């Protein structure tokens, strides 16, 4: 196969077609394993795993009891890797998340005790119940994949993913996530209620005991790390890059939008599109990959103007509108 020249002149050796088929097969094994627990939500499970392979973080926002925490737990159990859960409460301290230096009397010096953030998959349950000071403890780790305590920087492992949950309807005793925090999440998903058929199946399987204890790991941290490396090699044509930029610019010019998508949003969309393409066994991104990801990647990054919000306009509706307005690129023959 001929090598690819990525934007910027970087030459990337193309992998064999069989390697991408193996990638898709490994991705499907993990997805099928998670679906044993999260039933009837194939698309949501797939997007969550796309986020993992794209080195992103996931915010799950939905009403209680639809499987937000269960999704994160089943992902962790499907991968033989470290998993920590942080129950966010008003009295949670930043050091509970990042870690703290503790004086060791035997050695006569301080030693670092890692916090709960030092894991491959971290579940932040009810993240909006912690104070802004504690929420901000996640900013460095989510963006730079490192933690700095008392001037010393500690790097986090690979893979590293924060899966946060929050309840959108109960606001007593909560602290809304600031825009800087929201922007760190690659995707925001809503699981939603299952169909009647899926709910009946859930009652049959979960009514006696949780199926979470029955699933076993189908890959490990090293396997996910290799998938992350492969996803980075997926080719993106110049026309697709321009399409992503055009979509981001359209959100900034829309009259009903107060704050449009940032350049980070474009980067996240690009990375997620690469991961989605690889999950299909392709080494190149197509426009449909981008279109499928625009709402979960950008909806939490744009702010609606006050007058438009009063009329019921939502970020999702505006993004769907822009997807119909922005021209889809044709094949780049350059």
C-alpha atoms as a PDB file:
ATOM      1  CA  UNK A   1       0.000   0.000   0.000  1.00  0.00           C
ATOM      2  CA  UNK A   2       1.135   3.534  -0.702  1.00  0.00           C
ATOM      3  CA  UNK A   3       1.975   5.746   2.268  1.00  0.00           C
ATOM      4  CA  UNK A   4      -0.298   8.631   3.218  1.00  0.00           C
ATOM      5  CA  UNK A   5       0.782  12.242   3.531  1.00  0.00           C
ATOM      6  CA  UNK A   6      -1.109  13.773   6.443  1.00  0.00           C
ATOM      7  CA  UNK A   7      -1.734  17.548   6.754  1.00  0.00           C
ATOM      8  CA  UNK A   8       1.561  19.209   7.629  1.00  0.00           C
ATOM      9  CA  UNK A   9       3.577  16.939   5.359  1.00  0.00           C
ATOM     10  CA  UNK A  10       3.864  14.030   7.807  1.00  0.00           C
ATOM     11  CA  UNK A  11       4.233  10.713   5.980  1.00  0.00           C
ATOM     12  CA  UNK A  12       2.331   7.853   7.633  1.00  0.00           C
ATOM     13  CA  UNK A  13       2.883   4.228   6.614  1.00  0.00           C
ATOM     14  CA  UNK A  14      -0.460   2.650   5.806  1.00  0.00           C
ATOM     15  CA  UNK A  15      -1.420  -0.504   7.645  1.00  0.00           C
ATOM     16  CA  UNK A  16      -2.758  -3.595   5.965  1.00  0.00           C
ATOM     17  CA  UNK A  17      -6.522  -3.919   5.564  1.00  0.00           C
ATOM     18  CA  UNK A  18      -6.509  -6.925   7.881  1.00  0.00           C
ATOM     19  CA  UNK A  19      -5.229  -4.825  10.767  1.00  0.00           C
ATOM     20  CA  UNK A  20      -8.225  -2.490  10.524  1.00  0.00           C
ATOM     21  CA  UNK A  21     -10.540  -5.504  10.436  1.00  0.00           C
ATOM     22  CA  UNK A  22      -8.871  -6.721  13.640  1.00  0.00           C
ATOM     23  CA  UNK A  23      -9.404  -3.273  15.155  1.00  0.00           C
ATOM     24  CA  UNK A  24     -13.127  -3.383  14.303  1.00  0.00           C
ATOM     25  CA  UNK A  25     -13.368  -6.914  15.689  1.00  0.00           C
ATOM     26  CA  UNK A  26     -11.720  -5.950  18.987  1.00  0.00           C
ATOM     27  CA  UNK A  27     -13.958  -2.887  19.245  1.00  0.00           C
ATOM     28  CA  UNK A  28     -17.055  -5.026  18.644  1.00  0.00           C
ATOM     29  CA  UNK A  29     -16.015  -7.528  21.318  1.00  0.00           C
ATOM     30  CA  UNK A  30     -15.840  -4.795  23.943  1.00  0.00           C
ATOM     31  CA  UNK A  31     -19.110  -3.228  22.761  1.00  0.00           C
ATOM     32  CA  UNK A  32     -20.923  -6.586  22.810  1.00  0.00           C
ATOM     33  CA  UNK A  33     -19.614  -7.242  26.306  1.00  0.00           C
ATOM     34  CA  UNK A  34     -20.921  -3.911  27.575  1.00  0.00           C
ATOM     35  CA  UNK A  35     -24.294  -4.503  25.872  1.00  0.00           C
ATOM     36  CA  UNK A  36     -24.804  -7.572  28.058  1.00  0.00           C
ATOM     37  CA  UNK A  37     -25.377  -5.064  30.866  1.00  0.00           C
ATOM     38  CA  UNK A  38     -26.628  -1.976  28.990  1.00  0.00           C
ATOM     39  CA  UNK A  39     -29.385  -3.403  26.827  1.00  0.00           C
ATOM     40  CA  UNK A  40     -31.164  -1.625  24.002  1.00  0.00           C
ATOM     41  CA  UNK A  41     -28.660   1.223  23.819  1.00  0.00           C
ATOM     42  CA  UNK A  42     -26.334   0.129  21.015  1.00  0.00           C
ATOM     43  CA  UNK A  43     -25.564   3.645  19.749  1.00  0.00           C
ATOM     44  CA  UNK A  44     -24.823   5.070  23.205  1.00  0.00           C
ATOM     45  CA  UNK A  45     -22.474   2.180  24.030  1.00  0.00           C
ATOM     46  CA  UNK A  46     -20.667   2.601  20.735  1.00  0.00           C
ATOM     47  CA  UNK A  47     -20.209   6.344  21.224  1.00  0.00           C
ATOM     48  CA  UNK A  48     -18.870   5.802  24.735  1.00  0.00           C
ATOM     49  CA  UNK A  49     -16.228   3.395  23.406  1.00  0.00           C
ATOM     50  CA  UNK A  50     -15.425   5.747  20.516  1.00  0.00           C
ATOM     51  CA  UNK A  51     -14.748   8.387  23.164  1.00  0.00           C
ATOM     52  CA  UNK A  52     -12.411   6.009  25.011  1.00  0.00           C
ATOM     53  CA  UNK A  53     -10.394   5.132  21.892  1.00  0.00           C
ATOM     54  CA  UNK A  54     -10.236   8.807  20.900  1.00  0.00           C
ATOM     55  CA  UNK A  55      -8.649   9.636  24.293  1.00  0.00           C
ATOM     56  CA  UNK A  56     -11.637  11.703  25.315  1.00  0.00           C
ATOM     57  CA  UNK A  57     -13.726  12.084  28.441  1.00  0.00           C
ATOM     58  CA  UNK A  58     -17.437  11.403  28.683  1.00  0.00           C
ATOM     59  CA  UNK A  59     -20.224  13.276  30.445  1.00  0.00           C
ATOM     60  CA  UNK A  60     -23.451  11.283  30.854  1.00  0.00           C
ATOM     61  CA  UNK A  61     -26.377  13.520  31.738  1.00  0.00           C
ATOM     62  CA  UNK A  62     -29.719  11.882  32.391  1.00  0.00           C
ATOM     63  CA  UNK A  63     -32.400  11.155  34.961  1.00  0.00           C
ATOM     64  CA  UNK A  64     -31.751   8.615  37.738  1.00  0.00           C
ATOM     65  CA  UNK A  65     -32.073   4.919  37.083  1.00  0.00           C
ATOM     66  CA  UNK A  66     -31.353   4.691  33.357  1.00  0.00           C
ATOM     67  CA  UNK A  67     -27.884   3.127  33.667  1.00  0.00           C
ATOM     68  CA  UNK A  68     -25.391   6.017  33.733  1.00  0.00           C
ATOM     69  CA  UNK A  69     -23.167   4.516  36.428  1.00  0.00           C
ATOM     70  CA  UNK A  70     -23.706   0.999  35.097  1.00  0.00           C
ATOM     71  CA  UNK A  71     -22.359   2.016  31.689  1.00  0.00           C
ATOM     72  CA  UNK A  72     -19.098   3.258  33.195  1.00  0.00           C
ATOM     73  CA  UNK A  73     -18.740   0.171  35.388  1.00  0.00           C
ATOM     74  CA  UNK A  74     -19.417  -2.253  32.538  1.00  0.00           C
ATOM     75  CA  UNK A  75     -16.816  -0.492  30.364  1.00  0.00           C
ATOM     76  CA  UNK A  76     -14.252  -0.852  33.147  1.00  0.00           C
ATOM     77  CA  UNK A  77     -15.078  -4.537  33.731  1.00  0.00           C
ATOM     78  CA  UNK A  78     -14.780  -5.250  29.996  1.00  0.00           C
ATOM     79  CA  UNK A  79     -11.187  -3.991  30.085  1.00  0.00           C
ATOM     80  CA  UNK A  80      -8.574  -5.488  32.396  1.00  0.00           C
ATOM     81  CA  UNK A  81      -7.423  -2.139  33.770  1.00  0.00           C
ATOM     82  CA  UNK A  82      -7.531  -0.026  36.924  1.00  0.00           C
ATOM     83  CA  UNK A  83     -10.856   1.554  37.846  1.00  0.00           C
ATOM     84  CA  UNK A  84     -11.709   4.049  40.574  1.00  0.00           C
ATOM     85  CA  UNK A  85     -14.996   5.619  41.536  1.00  0.00           C
ATOM     86  CA  UNK A  86     -15.305   9.084  43.054  1.00  0.00           C
ATOM     87  CA  UNK A  87     -18.627   9.901  44.679  1.00  0.00           C
ATOM     88  CA  UNK A  88     -18.788  13.672  44.380  1.00  0.00           C
ATOM     89  CA  UNK A  89     -20.257  15.296  47.493  1.00  0.00           C
ATOM     90  CA  UNK A  90     -20.175  18.878  48.852  1.00  0.00           C
ATOM     91  CA  UNK A  91     -17.492  17.940  51.410  1.00  0.00           C
ATOM     92  CA  UNK A  92     -15.174  16.245  48.884  1.00  0.00           C
ATOM     93  CA  UNK A  93     -11.737  17.893  48.866  1.00  0.00           C
ATOM     94  CA  UNK A  94      -9.445  18.459  45.860  1.00  0.00           C
ATOM     95  CA  UNK A  95      -6.783  16.308  47.546  1.00  0.00           C
ATOM     96  CA  UNK A  96      -9.257  13.407  47.624  1.00  0.00           C
ATOM     97  CA  UNK A  97      -9.166  13.549  43.843  1.00  0.00           C
ATOM     98  CA  UNK A  98      -5.547  14.387  43.051  1.00  0.00           C
ATOM     99  CA  UNK A  99      -3.669  13.045  46.059  1.00  0.00           C
ATOM    100  CA  UNK A 100      -1.658  14.564  48.901  1.00  0.00           C
ATOM    101  CA  UNK A 101       1.842  14.545  50.354  1.00  0.00           C
ATOM    102  CA  UNK A 102       1.885  12.786  53.736  1.00  0.00           C
ATOM    103  CA  UNK A 103       4.741  12.932  56.241  1.00  0.00           C
ATOM    104  CA  UNK A 104       6.421   9.561  56.721  1.00  0.00           C
ATOM    105  CA  UNK A 105       7.789   9.387  60.260  1.00  0.00           C
ATOM    106  CA  UNK A 106       9.974   6.364  59.547  1.00  0.00           C
ATOM    107  CA  UNK A 107      11.776   7.998  56.615  1.00  0.00           C
ATOM    108  CA  UNK A 108      11.572  11.527  57.952  1.00  0.00           C
ATOM    109  CA  UNK A 109      10.202  13.053  54.738  1.00  0.00           C
ATOM    110  CA  UNK A 110       7.008  13.464  52.770  1.00  0.00           C
ATOM    111  CA  UNK A 111       5.660  10.828  50.409  1.00  0.00           C
ATOM    112  CA  UNK A 112       2.939  11.192  47.806  1.00  0.00           C
ATOM    113  CA  UNK A 113      -0.316   9.328  48.312  1.00  0.00           C
ATOM    114  CA  UNK A 114      -2.094   9.188  44.922  1.00  0.00           C
ATOM    115  CA  UNK A 115      -5.729  10.195  44.786  1.00  0.00           C
ATOM    116  CA  UNK A 116      -8.598   8.492  43.008  1.00  0.00           C
ATOM    117  CA  UNK A 117      -7.717  10.134  39.677  1.00  0.00           C
ATOM    118  CA  UNK A 118      -4.792   7.712  39.283  1.00  0.00           C
ATOM    119  CA  UNK A 119      -6.616   5.000  37.351  1.00  0.00           C
ATOM    120  CA  UNK A 120      -7.266   4.075  33.735  1.00  0.00           C
ATOM    121  CA  UNK A 121     -11.016   4.666  33.992  1.00  0.00           C
ATOM    122  CA  UNK A 122     -12.323   7.083  36.611  1.00  0.00           C
ATOM    123  CA  UNK A 123     -16.037   7.346  37.366  1.00  0.00           C
ATOM    124  CA  UNK A 124     -17.052  10.739  38.745  1.00  0.00           C
ATOM    125  CA  UNK A 125     -20.557  10.066  40.025  1.00  0.00           C
ATOM    126  CA  UNK A 126     -22.873  13.101  40.384  1.00  0.00           C
ATOM    127  CA  UNK A 127     -20.004  15.426  39.494  1.00  0.00           C
ATOM    128  CA  UNK A 128     -22.087  18.575  39.928  1.00  0.00           C
ATOM    129  CA  UNK A 129     -22.583  17.893  43.650  1.00  0.00           C
ATOM    130  CA  UNK A 130     -18.993  18.848  44.502  1.00  0.00           C
ATOM    131  CA  UNK A 131     -17.863  22.424  45.030  1.00  0.00           C
ATOM    132  CA  UNK A 132     -16.276  24.365  42.147  1.00  0.00           C
ATOM    133  CA  UNK A 133     -12.923  24.125  43.949  1.00  0.00           C
ATOM    134  CA  UNK A 134     -13.084  20.324  43.867  1.00  0.00           C
ATOM    135  CA  UNK A 135     -14.397  20.256  40.295  1.00  0.00           C
ATOM    136  CA  UNK A 136     -11.419  22.353  39.185  1.00  0.00           C
ATOM    137  CA  UNK A 137      -9.063  19.663  40.516  1.00  0.00           C
ATOM    138  CA  UNK A 138      -9.979  17.676  37.400  1.00  0.00           C
ATOM    139  CA  UNK A 139      -9.040  20.370  34.885  1.00  0.00           C
ATOM    140  CA  UNK A 140      -5.315  19.621  34.610  1.00  0.00           C
ATOM    141  CA  UNK A 141      -5.707  15.844  34.627  1.00  0.00           C
ATOM    142  CA  UNK A 142      -8.428  15.840  31.953  1.00  0.00           C
ATOM    143  CA  UNK A 143      -6.606  18.171  29.572  1.00  0.00           C
ATOM    144  CA  UNK A 144      -2.925  17.354  30.125  1.00  0.00           C
ATOM    145  CA  UNK A 145      -3.196  13.834  31.587  1.00  0.00           C
ATOM    146  CA  UNK A 146      -1.049  14.747  34.540  1.00  0.00           C
ATOM    147  CA  UNK A 147      -1.431  15.915  38.132  1.00  0.00           C
ATOM    148  CA  UNK A 148       0.713  18.560  39.833  1.00  0.00           C
ATOM    149  CA  UNK A 149       0.901  18.481  43.637  1.00  0.00           C
ATOM    150  CA  UNK A 150       3.217  20.796  45.559  1.00  0.00           C
ATOM    151  CA  UNK A 151       5.150  21.621  42.406  1.00  0.00           C
ATOM    152  CA  UNK A 152       5.755  18.001  41.408  1.00  0.00           C
ATOM    153  CA  UNK A 153       4.083  16.639  38.277  1.00  0.00           C
ATOM    154  CA  UNK A 154       2.846  13.050  38.114  1.00  0.00           C
ATOM    155  CA  UNK A 155       1.819  11.599  34.753  1.00  0.00           C
ATOM    156  CA  UNK A 156      -1.291   9.474  34.361  1.00  0.00           C
ATOM    157  CA  UNK A 157      -1.395   6.142  32.567  1.00  0.00           C
ATOM    158  CA  UNK A 158      -2.743   5.145  29.162  1.00  0.00           C
ATOM    159  CA  UNK A 159      -5.603   4.747  28.636  1.00  0.00           C
ATOM    160  CA  UNK A 160      -7.057   7.442  30.872  1.00  0.00           C
ATOM    161  CA  UNK A 161     -10.728   8.366  30.762  1.00  0.00           C
ATOM    162  CA  UNK A 162     -13.029  10.283  33.086  1.00  0.00           C
ATOM    163  CA  UNK A 163     -16.672   9.225  32.885  1.00  0.00           C
ATOM    164  CA  UNK A 164     -18.792  11.741  34.801  1.00  0.00           C
ATOM    165  CA  UNK A 165     -22.498  11.546  35.502  1.00  0.00           C
ATOM    166  CA  UNK A 166     -24.995  14.183  36.541  1.00  0.00           C
ATOM    167  CA  UNK A 167     -28.734  14.541  37.021  1.00  0.00           C
ATOM    168  CA  UNK A 168     -30.183  17.356  34.867  1.00  0.00           C
ATOM    169  CA  UNK A 169     -33.467  17.770  36.751  1.00  0.00           C
ATOM    170  CA  UNK A 170     -32.443  17.949  40.410  1.00  0.00           C
ATOM    171  CA  UNK A 171     -30.558  21.163  41.125  1.00  0.00           C
ATOM    172  CA  UNK A 172     -30.803  21.494  44.921  1.00  0.00           C
ATOM    173  CA  UNK A 173     -27.334  21.372  46.452  1.00  0.00           C
ATOM    174  CA  UNK A 174     -25.568  21.243  43.085  1.00  0.00           C
ATOM    175  CA  UNK A 175     -22.915  23.388  41.434  1.00  0.00           C
ATOM    176  CA  UNK A 176     -23.353  23.639  37.638  1.00  0.00           C
ATOM    177  CA  UNK A 177     -20.227  22.732  35.696  1.00  0.00           C
ATOM    178  CA  UNK A 178     -18.489  25.842  34.322  1.00  0.00           C
ATOM    179  CA  UNK A 179     -17.809  26.161  30.611  1.00  0.00           C
ATOM    180  CA  UNK A 180     -14.092  25.431  31.089  1.00  0.00           C
ATOM    181  CA  UNK A 181     -14.986  22.122  32.728  1.00  0.00           C
ATOM    182  CA  UNK A 182     -17.633  21.198  30.154  1.00  0.00           C
ATOM    183  CA  UNK A 183     -15.187  21.885  27.343  1.00  0.00           C
ATOM    184  CA  UNK A 184     -12.866  19.179  28.718  1.00  0.00           C
ATOM    185  CA  UNK A 185     -15.441  16.504  27.955  1.00  0.00           C
ATOM    186  CA  UNK A 186     -15.217  15.156  24.423  1.00  0.00           C
ATOM    187  CA  UNK A 187     -18.855  14.043  24.411  1.00  0.00           C
ATOM    188  CA  UNK A 188     -22.044  14.506  26.347  1.00  0.00           C
ATOM    189  CA  UNK A 189     -24.506  11.632  26.078  1.00  0.00           C
ATOM    190  CA  UNK A 190     -28.029  11.050  27.273  1.00  0.00           C
ATOM    191  CA  UNK A 191     -28.921   7.381  27.636  1.00  0.00           C
ATOM    192  CA  UNK A 192     -32.677   7.868  27.787  1.00  0.00           C
ATOM    193  CA  UNK A 193     -35.404   5.408  28.660  1.00  0.00           C
ATOM    194  CA  UNK A 194     -35.284   1.969  27.018  1.00  0.00           C
ATOM    195  CA  UNK A 195     -37.960   0.697  24.670  1.00  0.00           C
ATOM    196  CA  UNK A 196     -40.712  -1.495  26.115  1.00  0.00           C
ATOM    197  CA  UNK A 197     -39.102  -4.601  24.612  1.00  0.00           C
ATOM    198  CA  UNK A 198     -35.654  -3.700  25.987  1.00  0.00           C
ATOM    199  CA  UNK A 199     -37.095  -2.919  29.423  1.00  0.00           C
ATOM    200  CA  UNK A 200     -38.808  -6.301  29.531  1.00  0.00           C
ATOM    201  CA  UNK A 201     -35.460  -7.917  28.700  1.00  0.00           C
ATOM    202  CA  UNK A 202     -33.805  -5.849  31.441  1.00  0.00           C
ATOM    203  CA  UNK A 203     -36.355  -7.144  33.965  1.00  0.00           C
ATOM    204  CA  UNK A 204     -35.612 -10.714  32.912  1.00  0.00           C
ATOM    205  CA  UNK A 205     -31.858 -10.364  33.348  1.00  0.00           C
ATOM    206  CA  UNK A 206     -31.446  -7.724  36.084  1.00  0.00           C
ATOM    207  CA  UNK A 207     -34.572  -8.644  38.059  1.00  0.00           C
ATOM    208  CA  UNK A 208     -32.822 -11.473  39.901  1.00  0.00           C
ATOM    209  CA  UNK A 209     -29.202 -10.316  40.033  1.00  0.00           C
ATOM    210  CA  UNK A 210     -26.987  -7.798  38.284  1.00  0.00           C
ATOM    211  CA  UNK A 211     -25.330  -9.073  35.116  1.00  0.00           C
ATOM    212  CA  UNK A 212     -22.399  -6.752  35.817  1.00  0.00           C
ATOM    213  CA  UNK A 213     -20.788  -9.415  37.992  1.00  0.00           C
ATOM    214  CA  UNK A 214     -21.058 -11.986  35.208  1.00  0.00           C
ATOM    215  CA  UNK A 215     -19.128 -10.204  32.468  1.00  0.00           C
ATOM    216  CA  UNK A 216     -15.393 -10.718  32.123  1.00  0.00           C
ATOM    217  CA  UNK A 217     -12.658  -8.629  30.550  1.00  0.00           C
ATOM    218  CA  UNK A 218     -12.251  -9.129  26.804  1.00  0.00           C
ATOM    219  CA  UNK A 219      -9.153  -6.939  26.438  1.00  0.00           C
ATOM    220  CA  UNK A 220      -6.647  -5.112  28.629  1.00  0.00           C
ATOM    221  CA  UNK A 221      -5.085  -1.673  28.997  1.00  0.00           C
ATOM    222  CA  UNK A 222      -2.347  -2.567  26.520  1.00  0.00           C
ATOM    223  CA  UNK A 223      -4.929  -3.617  23.933  1.00  0.00           C
ATOM    224  CA  UNK A 224      -6.811  -0.329  24.293  1.00  0.00           C
ATOM    225  CA  UNK A 225      -3.516   1.595  24.085  1.00  0.00           C
ATOM    226  CA  UNK A 226      -2.734  -0.106  20.771  1.00  0.00           C
ATOM    227  CA  UNK A 227      -6.204   0.783  19.474  1.00  0.00           C
ATOM    228  CA  UNK A 228      -5.607   4.409  20.501  1.00  0.00           C
ATOM    229  CA  UNK A 229      -2.364   4.445  18.535  1.00  0.00           C
ATOM    230  CA  UNK A 230      -4.065   2.965  15.472  1.00  0.00           C
ATOM    231  CA  UNK A 231      -6.943   5.439  15.620  1.00  0.00           C
ATOM    232  CA  UNK A 232      -4.440   8.295  15.411  1.00  0.00           C
ATOM    233  CA  UNK A 233      -3.303   6.955  12.026  1.00  0.00           C
ATOM    234  CA  UNK A 234      -6.725   7.151  10.368  1.00  0.00           C
ATOM    235  CA  UNK A 235      -6.458   9.387   7.304  1.00  0.00           C
ATOM    236  CA  UNK A 236      -8.478  12.609   7.152  1.00  0.00           C
ATOM    237  CA  UNK A 237      -8.707  14.345   3.764  1.00  0.00           C
ATOM    238  CA  UNK A 238      -8.367  18.111   3.487  1.00  0.00           C
ATOM    239  CA  UNK A 239     -12.029  18.333   2.432  1.00  0.00           C
ATOM    240  CA  UNK A 240     -13.087  16.687   5.719  1.00  0.00           C
ATOM    241  CA  UNK A 241     -10.901  19.070   7.711  1.00  0.00           C
ATOM    242  CA  UNK A 242     -12.505  22.026   5.956  1.00  0.00           C
ATOM    243  CA  UNK A 243     -15.951  20.533   6.643  1.00  0.00           C
ATOM    244  CA  UNK A 244     -15.202  20.350  10.386  1.00  0.00           C
ATOM    245  CA  UNK A 245     -13.918  23.930  10.437  1.00  0.00           C
ATOM    246  CA  UNK A 246     -16.927  25.167   8.471  1.00  0.00           C
ATOM    247  CA  UNK A 247     -19.309  23.534  10.937  1.00  0.00           C
ATOM    248  CA  UNK A 248     -17.487  25.117  13.876  1.00  0.00           C
ATOM    249  CA  UNK A 249     -17.507  28.538  12.221  1.00  0.00           C
ATOM    250  CA  UNK A 250     -21.222  28.187  11.462  1.00  0.00           C
ATOM    251  CA  UNK A 251     -21.962  27.846  15.194  1.00  0.00           C
ATOM    252  CA  UNK A 252     -20.041  31.081  15.873  1.00  0.00           C
ATOM    253  CA  UNK A 253     -21.995  33.029  13.256  1.00  0.00           C
ATOM    254  CA  UNK A 254     -25.451  31.683  14.079  1.00  0.00           C
ATOM    255  CA  UNK A 255     -27.731  34.507  15.330  1.00  0.00           C
ATOM    256  CA  UNK A 256     -29.208  32.333  18.116  1.00  0.00           C
ATOM    257  CA  UNK A 257     -25.816  31.330  19.518  1.00  0.00           C
ATOM    258  CA  UNK A 258     -24.121  33.448  22.179  1.00  0.00           C
ATOM    259  CA  UNK A 259     -20.930  31.351  22.365  1.00  0.00           C
ATOM    260  CA  UNK A 260     -19.930  29.086  19.478  1.00  0.00           C
ATOM    261  CA  UNK A 261     -17.752  25.994  19.313  1.00  0.00           C
ATOM    262  CA  UNK A 262     -14.101  26.517  20.231  1.00  0.00           C
ATOM    263  CA  UNK A 263     -11.061  25.222  18.322  1.00  0.00           C
ATOM    264  CA  UNK A 264     -10.864  22.508  20.966  1.00  0.00           C
ATOM    265  CA  UNK A 265     -14.316  21.382  19.836  1.00  0.00           C
ATOM    266  CA  UNK A 266     -12.988  21.011  16.269  1.00  0.00           C
ATOM    267  CA  UNK A 267     -10.035  18.971  17.520  1.00  0.00           C
ATOM    268  CA  UNK A 268     -12.296  16.723  19.579  1.00  0.00           C
ATOM    269  CA  UNK A 269     -14.605  16.220  16.606  1.00  0.00           C
ATOM    270  CA  UNK A 270     -11.645  15.249  14.428  1.00  0.00           C
ATOM    271  CA  UNK A 271     -10.304  12.750  16.962  1.00  0.00           C
ATOM    272  CA  UNK A 272     -13.724  11.217  17.537  1.00  0.00           C
ATOM    273  CA  UNK A 273     -14.283  10.903  13.772  1.00  0.00           C
ATOM    274  CA  UNK A 274     -10.989   9.019  13.429  1.00  0.00           C
ATOM    275  CA  UNK A 275     -12.028   6.643  16.205  1.00  0.00           C
ATOM    276  CA  UNK A 276     -15.480   6.091  14.706  1.00  0.00           C
ATOM    277  CA  UNK A 277     -14.000   5.340  11.288  1.00  0.00           C
ATOM    278  CA  UNK A 278     -11.579   2.819  12.792  1.00  0.00           C
ATOM    279  CA  UNK A 279     -14.434   1.115  14.666  1.00  0.00           C
ATOM    280  CA  UNK A 280     -15.957   0.423  11.242  1.00  0.00           C
ATOM    281  CA  UNK A 281     -12.707  -1.099  10.002  1.00  0.00           C
ATOM    282  CA  UNK A 282     -11.773   1.908   7.846  1.00  0.00           C
ATOM    283  CA  UNK A 283      -8.475   3.798   7.727  1.00  0.00           C
ATOM    284  CA  UNK A 284     -10.106   6.974   6.432  1.00  0.00           C
ATOM    285  CA  UNK A 285     -12.835   9.347   7.655  1.00  0.00           C
ATOM    286  CA  UNK A 286     -15.993  10.004   5.653  1.00  0.00           C
ATOM    287  CA  UNK A 287     -18.466  12.901   6.090  1.00  0.00           C
ATOM    288  CA  UNK A 288     -21.009  10.580   7.738  1.00  0.00           C
ATOM    289  CA  UNK A 289     -18.531  10.008  10.585  1.00  0.00           C
ATOM    290  CA  UNK A 290     -18.436  13.734  11.272  1.00  0.00           C
ATOM    291  CA  UNK A 291     -22.205  14.170  10.949  1.00  0.00           C
ATOM    292  CA  UNK A 292     -22.870  11.361  13.431  1.00  0.00           C
ATOM    293  CA  UNK A 293     -20.666  13.034  16.046  1.00  0.00           C
ATOM    294  CA  UNK A 294     -21.510  16.728  15.734  1.00  0.00           C
ATOM    295  CA  UNK A 295     -24.344  16.703  18.302  1.00  0.00           C
ATOM    296  CA  UNK A 296     -22.648  14.622  21.063  1.00  0.00           C
ATOM    297  CA  UNK A 297     -19.343  16.490  20.631  1.00  0.00           C
ATOM    298  CA  UNK A 298     -20.583  20.077  20.222  1.00  0.00           C
ATOM    299  CA  UNK A 299     -23.972  20.385  21.946  1.00  0.00           C
ATOM    300  CA  UNK A 300     -22.485  21.063  25.401  1.00  0.00           C
ATOM    301  CA  UNK A 301     -19.941  23.530  23.999  1.00  0.00           C
ATOM    302  CA  UNK A 302     -22.275  26.163  22.579  1.00  0.00           C
ATOM    303  CA  UNK A 303     -24.392  28.624  24.543  1.00  0.00           C
ATOM    304  CA  UNK A 304     -27.775  29.760  23.285  1.00  0.00           C
ATOM    305  CA  UNK A 305     -28.578  33.490  23.387  1.00  0.00           C
ATOM    306  CA  UNK A 306     -31.053  34.396  26.132  1.00  0.00           C
ATOM    307  CA  UNK A 307     -33.852  35.500  23.810  1.00  0.00           C
ATOM    308  CA  UNK A 308     -33.504  32.328  21.707  1.00  0.00           C
ATOM    309  CA  UNK A 309     -33.467  30.121  24.798  1.00  0.00           C
ATOM    310  CA  UNK A 310     -36.727  31.689  25.961  1.00  0.00           C
ATOM    311  CA  UNK A 311     -38.371  30.565  22.715  1.00  0.00           C
ATOM    312  CA  UNK A 312     -37.285  26.975  23.334  1.00  0.00           C
ATOM    313  CA  UNK A 313     -34.261  26.794  21.044  1.00  0.00           C
ATOM    314  CA  UNK A 314     -31.768  24.096  22.019  1.00  0.00           C
ATOM    315  CA  UNK A 315     -28.134  23.451  21.015  1.00  0.00           C
ATOM    316  CA  UNK A 316     -29.167  20.112  19.523  1.00  0.00           C
ATOM    317  CA  UNK A 317     -31.780  21.723  17.277  1.00  0.00           C
ATOM    318  CA  UNK A 318     -29.333  24.381  16.070  1.00  0.00           C
ATOM    319  CA  UNK A 319     -26.650  21.789  15.283  1.00  0.00           C
ATOM    320  CA  UNK A 320     -29.135  19.644  13.354  1.00  0.00           C
ATOM    321  CA  UNK A 321     -30.111  22.766  11.429  1.00  0.00           C
ATOM    322  CA  UNK A 322     -26.485  23.550  10.587  1.00  0.00           C
ATOM    323  CA  UNK A 323     -25.878  19.989   9.408  1.00  0.00           C
ATOM    324  CA  UNK A 324     -28.552  20.576   6.754  1.00  0.00           C
ATOM    325  CA  UNK A 325     -27.189  24.002   5.814  1.00  0.00           C
ATOM    326  CA  UNK A 326     -23.439  23.303   5.557  1.00  0.00           C
ATOM    327  CA  UNK A 327     -22.488  21.626   2.286  1.00  0.00           C
ATOM    328  CA  UNK A 328     -21.159  18.080   2.638  1.00  0.00           C
ATOM    329  CA  UNK A 329     -17.756  17.726   0.957  1.00  0.00           C
ATOM    330  CA  UNK A 330     -17.327  15.644  -2.169  1.00  0.00           C
ATOM    331  CA  UNK A 331     -14.426  13.296  -2.645  1.00  0.00           C
ATOM    332  CA  UNK A 332     -11.099  15.137  -2.638  1.00  0.00           C
ATOM    333  CA  UNK A 333      -9.238  14.166  -5.799  1.00  0.00           C
ATOM    334  CA  UNK A 334      -6.143  16.155  -4.922  1.00  0.00           C
END
